[in-house]
Amino acid sequence: MTKEDCKKLVIDIIADIAPDEDLSAIKPDVRLRDQLQLDSMDFLDIVMELRKRHNIEVPEADYMHLASLESCAEYLTPKFQAKA
């Protein structure tokens, strides 16, 4: 899985969690919470969906790696590659 695949996957999860958000203009290197109306519960939902849909565990200590779309891709790409 590529970084772009990971970004798409995260956007798909956010689209399900926050269907009213406009995801077309997300800047990859700006914190998601600064761009979208995501609260801490929405963020936890993203983590839970990663586990449920893709069997990817994100320990609480690593949550900061999911701050932006780019950091999500940086963090998740090796996890998906290790699973493959």
N, C-alpha and C. Protein backbone atom coordinates (compact mmCIF):
# COMPACT_ATOMS: atom_id res chain seq x y z
N MET A 1 0.84 -1.18 0.00
CA MET A 1 0.00 0.00 0.00
C MET A 1 0.89 1.24 0.00
N THR A 2 0.54 2.20 -0.84
CA THR A 2 1.32 3.43 -0.96
C THR A 2 0.82 4.49 0.02
N LYS A 3 1.58 5.57 0.13
CA LYS A 3 1.15 6.68 0.98
C LYS A 3 -0.17 7.26 0.48
N GLU A 4 -0.30 7.35 -0.84
CA GLU A 4 -1.55 7.89 -1.40
C GLU A 4 -2.74 6.98 -1.06
N ASP A 5 -2.53 5.67 -1.08
CA ASP A 5 -3.58 4.73 -0.69
C ASP A 5 -3.98 4.96 0.77
N CYS A 6 -2.99 5.18 1.62
CA CYS A 6 -3.26 5.42 3.04
C CYS A 6 -4.04 6.71 3.24
N LYS A 7 -3.68 7.74 2.49
CA LYS A 7 -4.42 9.01 2.59
C LYS A 7 -5.87 8.81 2.20
N LYS A 8 -6.09 8.09 1.11
CA LYS A 8 -7.46 7.83 0.65
C LYS A 8 -8.24 7.05 1.69
N LEU A 9 -7.60 6.07 2.27
CA LEU A 9 -8.23 5.24 3.30
C LEU A 9 -8.65 6.10 4.50
N VAL A 10 -7.79 7.00 4.94
CA VAL A 10 -8.11 7.88 6.07
C VAL A 10 -9.25 8.82 5.69
N ILE A 11 -9.21 9.37 4.49
CA ILE A 11 -10.29 10.25 4.03
C ILE A 11 -11.61 9.49 3.98
N ASP A 12 -11.59 8.24 3.53
CA ASP A 12 -12.81 7.43 3.50
C ASP A 12 -13.38 7.23 4.90
N ILE A 13 -12.51 7.00 5.86
CA ILE A 13 -12.97 6.83 7.25
C ILE A 13 -13.56 8.14 7.77
N ILE A 14 -12.87 9.25 7.50
CA ILE A 14 -13.39 10.54 7.96
C ILE A 14 -14.73 10.85 7.31
N ALA A 15 -14.88 10.49 6.04
CA ALA A 15 -16.14 10.73 5.33
C ALA A 15 -17.29 9.98 6.01
N ASP A 16 -17.02 8.80 6.53
CA ASP A 16 -18.06 8.04 7.23
C ASP A 16 -18.34 8.61 8.61
N ILE A 17 -17.31 9.09 9.28
CA ILE A 17 -17.45 9.61 10.64
C ILE A 17 -18.07 11.02 10.64
N ALA A 18 -17.67 11.83 9.68
CA ALA A 18 -18.13 13.22 9.60
C ALA A 18 -18.64 13.51 8.20
N PRO A 19 -19.82 12.96 7.87
CA PRO A 19 -20.31 13.05 6.49
C PRO A 19 -20.59 14.48 6.01
N ASP A 20 -20.74 15.43 6.91
CA ASP A 20 -21.04 16.81 6.51
C ASP A 20 -19.79 17.62 6.18
N GLU A 21 -18.62 17.06 6.44
CA GLU A 21 -17.37 17.79 6.19
C GLU A 21 -17.03 17.78 4.69
N ASP A 22 -16.48 18.91 4.23
CA ASP A 22 -15.98 18.99 2.86
C ASP A 22 -14.54 18.49 2.86
N LEU A 23 -14.33 17.31 2.32
CA LEU A 23 -13.01 16.70 2.35
C LEU A 23 -12.20 16.95 1.09
N SER A 24 -12.77 17.69 0.17
CA SER A 24 -12.10 17.90 -1.12
C SER A 24 -10.90 18.84 -1.03
N ALA A 25 -10.84 19.66 0.00
CA ALA A 25 -9.76 20.66 0.08
C ALA A 25 -8.83 20.42 1.26
N ILE A 26 -8.74 19.19 1.72
CA ILE A 26 -7.85 18.90 2.85
C ILE A 26 -6.40 19.12 2.42
N LYS A 27 -5.70 19.89 3.22
CA LYS A 27 -4.26 20.10 2.98
C LYS A 27 -3.51 19.00 3.72
N PRO A 28 -2.65 18.26 3.04
CA PRO A 28 -2.02 17.09 3.65
C PRO A 28 -1.14 17.37 4.84
N ASP A 29 -0.54 18.57 4.91
CA ASP A 29 0.39 18.81 6.00
C ASP A 29 -0.15 19.75 7.09
N VAL A 30 -1.46 20.00 7.07
CA VAL A 30 -2.10 20.80 8.11
C VAL A 30 -2.89 19.84 9.00
N ARG A 31 -2.82 20.08 10.31
CA ARG A 31 -3.53 19.20 11.24
C ARG A 31 -5.00 19.06 10.86
N LEU A 32 -5.49 17.83 10.89
CA LEU A 32 -6.88 17.56 10.52
C LEU A 32 -7.84 18.32 11.42
N ARG A 33 -7.54 18.39 12.71
CA ARG A 33 -8.44 19.08 13.63
C ARG A 33 -8.47 20.58 13.39
N ASP A 34 -7.45 21.13 12.72
CA ASP A 34 -7.45 22.55 12.37
C ASP A 34 -8.26 22.81 11.10
N GLN A 35 -8.48 21.77 10.30
CA GLN A 35 -9.19 21.93 9.03
C GLN A 35 -10.64 21.49 9.11
N LEU A 36 -10.91 20.54 9.98
CA LEU A 36 -12.23 19.92 10.04
C LEU A 36 -12.81 20.07 11.44
N GLN A 37 -14.10 19.89 11.53
CA GLN A 37 -14.77 19.96 12.83
C GLN A 37 -14.73 18.59 13.49
N LEU A 38 -13.53 18.13 13.83
CA LEU A 38 -13.36 16.83 14.47
C LEU A 38 -13.07 17.05 15.95
N ASP A 39 -13.80 16.34 16.80
CA ASP A 39 -13.48 16.41 18.22
C ASP A 39 -12.74 15.15 18.62
N SER A 40 -12.44 15.03 19.89
CA SER A 40 -11.64 13.89 20.35
C SER A 40 -12.35 12.56 20.12
N MET A 41 -13.68 12.55 20.21
CA MET A 41 -14.43 11.31 19.95
C MET A 41 -14.33 10.92 18.47
N ASP A 42 -14.39 11.89 17.59
CA ASP A 42 -14.22 11.61 16.15
C ASP A 42 -12.84 11.02 15.90
N PHE A 43 -11.85 11.58 16.56
CA PHE A 43 -10.48 11.08 16.39
C PHE A 43 -10.38 9.63 16.87
N LEU A 44 -10.99 9.34 18.01
CA LEU A 44 -11.00 7.95 18.50
C LEU A 44 -11.74 7.04 17.54
N ASP A 45 -12.80 7.56 16.92
CA ASP A 45 -13.53 6.76 15.92
C ASP A 45 -12.63 6.40 14.74
N ILE A 46 -11.76 7.32 14.34
CA ILE A 46 -10.81 7.04 13.25
C ILE A 46 -9.91 5.87 13.66
N VAL A 47 -9.38 5.94 14.87
CA VAL A 47 -8.51 4.87 15.37
C VAL A 47 -9.26 3.54 15.43
N MET A 48 -10.50 3.58 15.91
CA MET A 48 -11.31 2.36 16.02
C MET A 48 -11.62 1.78 14.63
N GLU A 49 -11.90 2.64 13.68
CA GLU A 49 -12.19 2.17 12.32
C GLU A 49 -10.95 1.57 11.67
N LEU A 50 -9.79 2.12 11.94
CA LEU A 50 -8.56 1.52 11.42
C LEU A 50 -8.41 0.10 11.94
N ARG A 51 -8.74 -0.09 13.20
CA ARG A 51 -8.65 -1.43 13.78
C ARG A 51 -9.74 -2.34 13.21
N LYS A 52 -10.95 -1.84 13.15
CA LYS A 52 -12.07 -2.67 12.71
C LYS A 52 -11.97 -3.03 11.22
N ARG A 53 -11.70 -2.05 10.38
CA ARG A 53 -11.69 -2.28 8.93
C ARG A 53 -10.40 -2.93 8.43
N HIS A 54 -9.27 -2.58 9.06
CA HIS A 54 -7.99 -2.97 8.48
C HIS A 54 -7.07 -3.70 9.45
N ASN A 55 -7.56 -3.95 10.66
CA ASN A 55 -6.78 -4.67 11.68
C ASN A 55 -5.45 -3.97 11.96
N ILE A 56 -5.48 -2.64 11.96
CA ILE A 56 -4.30 -1.83 12.26
C ILE A 56 -4.48 -1.25 13.66
N GLU A 57 -3.56 -1.58 14.53
CA GLU A 57 -3.59 -1.06 15.90
C GLU A 57 -2.77 0.22 15.98
N VAL A 58 -3.34 1.23 16.62
CA VAL A 58 -2.62 2.47 16.87
C VAL A 58 -2.61 2.69 18.38
N PRO A 59 -1.47 2.45 19.02
CA PRO A 59 -1.40 2.67 20.47
C PRO A 59 -1.62 4.14 20.81
N GLU A 60 -2.16 4.39 21.98
CA GLU A 60 -2.46 5.76 22.39
C GLU A 60 -1.22 6.66 22.32
N ALA A 61 -0.07 6.11 22.62
CA ALA A 61 1.17 6.89 22.57
C ALA A 61 1.50 7.37 21.15
N ASP A 62 0.91 6.73 20.13
CA ASP A 62 1.19 7.08 18.73
C ASP A 62 0.11 7.97 18.11
N TYR A 63 -0.91 8.34 18.86
CA TYR A 63 -2.00 9.15 18.30
C TYR A 63 -1.49 10.43 17.64
N MET A 64 -0.42 11.00 18.18
CA MET A 64 0.10 12.26 17.61
C MET A 64 0.57 12.07 16.17
N HIS A 65 0.87 10.82 15.77
CA HIS A 65 1.30 10.55 14.40
C HIS A 65 0.15 10.63 13.40
N LEU A 66 -1.07 10.76 13.92
CA LEU A 66 -2.24 10.84 13.04
C LEU A 66 -2.80 12.26 12.96
N ALA A 67 -1.97 13.25 13.25
CA ALA A 67 -2.45 14.63 13.31
C ALA A 67 -2.85 15.18 11.94
N SER A 68 -2.04 14.93 10.92
CA SER A 68 -2.34 15.44 9.58
C SER A 68 -2.48 14.25 8.62
N LEU A 69 -2.98 14.54 7.45
CA LEU A 69 -3.12 13.49 6.45
C LEU A 69 -1.75 12.93 6.07
N GLU A 70 -0.78 13.81 5.94
CA GLU A 70 0.58 13.37 5.58
C GLU A 70 1.19 12.52 6.69
N SER A 71 1.02 12.94 7.94
CA SER A 71 1.59 12.16 9.04
C SER A 71 0.87 10.82 9.18
N CYS A 72 -0.42 10.78 8.88
CA CYS A 72 -1.16 9.51 8.87
C CYS A 72 -0.52 8.56 7.86
N ALA A 73 -0.27 9.07 6.66
CA ALA A 73 0.31 8.24 5.61
C ALA A 73 1.71 7.76 6.00
N GLU A 74 2.51 8.66 6.58
CA GLU A 74 3.86 8.29 7.03
C GLU A 74 3.81 7.17 8.07
N TYR A 75 2.85 7.28 8.98
CA TYR A 75 2.75 6.32 10.07
C TYR A 75 2.11 5.00 9.62
N LEU A 76 1.06 5.09 8.81
CA LEU A 76 0.29 3.89 8.46
C LEU A 76 0.90 3.06 7.34
N THR A 77 1.59 3.68 6.38
CA THR A 77 2.13 2.95 5.25
C THR A 77 2.99 1.75 5.68
N PRO A 78 3.97 1.94 6.58
CA PRO A 78 4.77 0.76 6.99
C PRO A 78 3.94 -0.31 7.72
N LYS A 79 2.91 0.14 8.44
CA LYS A 79 2.05 -0.84 9.13
C LYS A 79 1.30 -1.71 8.13
N PHE A 80 0.78 -1.09 7.07
CA PHE A 80 0.09 -1.86 6.03
C PHE A 80 1.07 -2.75 5.27
N GLN A 81 2.26 -2.24 4.99
CA GLN A 81 3.26 -3.05 4.28
C GLN A 81 3.69 -4.24 5.10
N ALA A 82 3.78 -4.07 6.42
CA ALA A 82 4.17 -5.18 7.28
C ALA A 82 3.08 -6.25 7.33
N LYS A 83 1.84 -5.85 7.14
CA LYS A 83 0.73 -6.80 7.15
C LYS A 83 0.64 -7.59 5.85
N ALA A 84 1.12 -7.00 4.76
CA ALA A 84 0.97 -7.62 3.43
C ALA A 84 1.82 -8.87 3.27
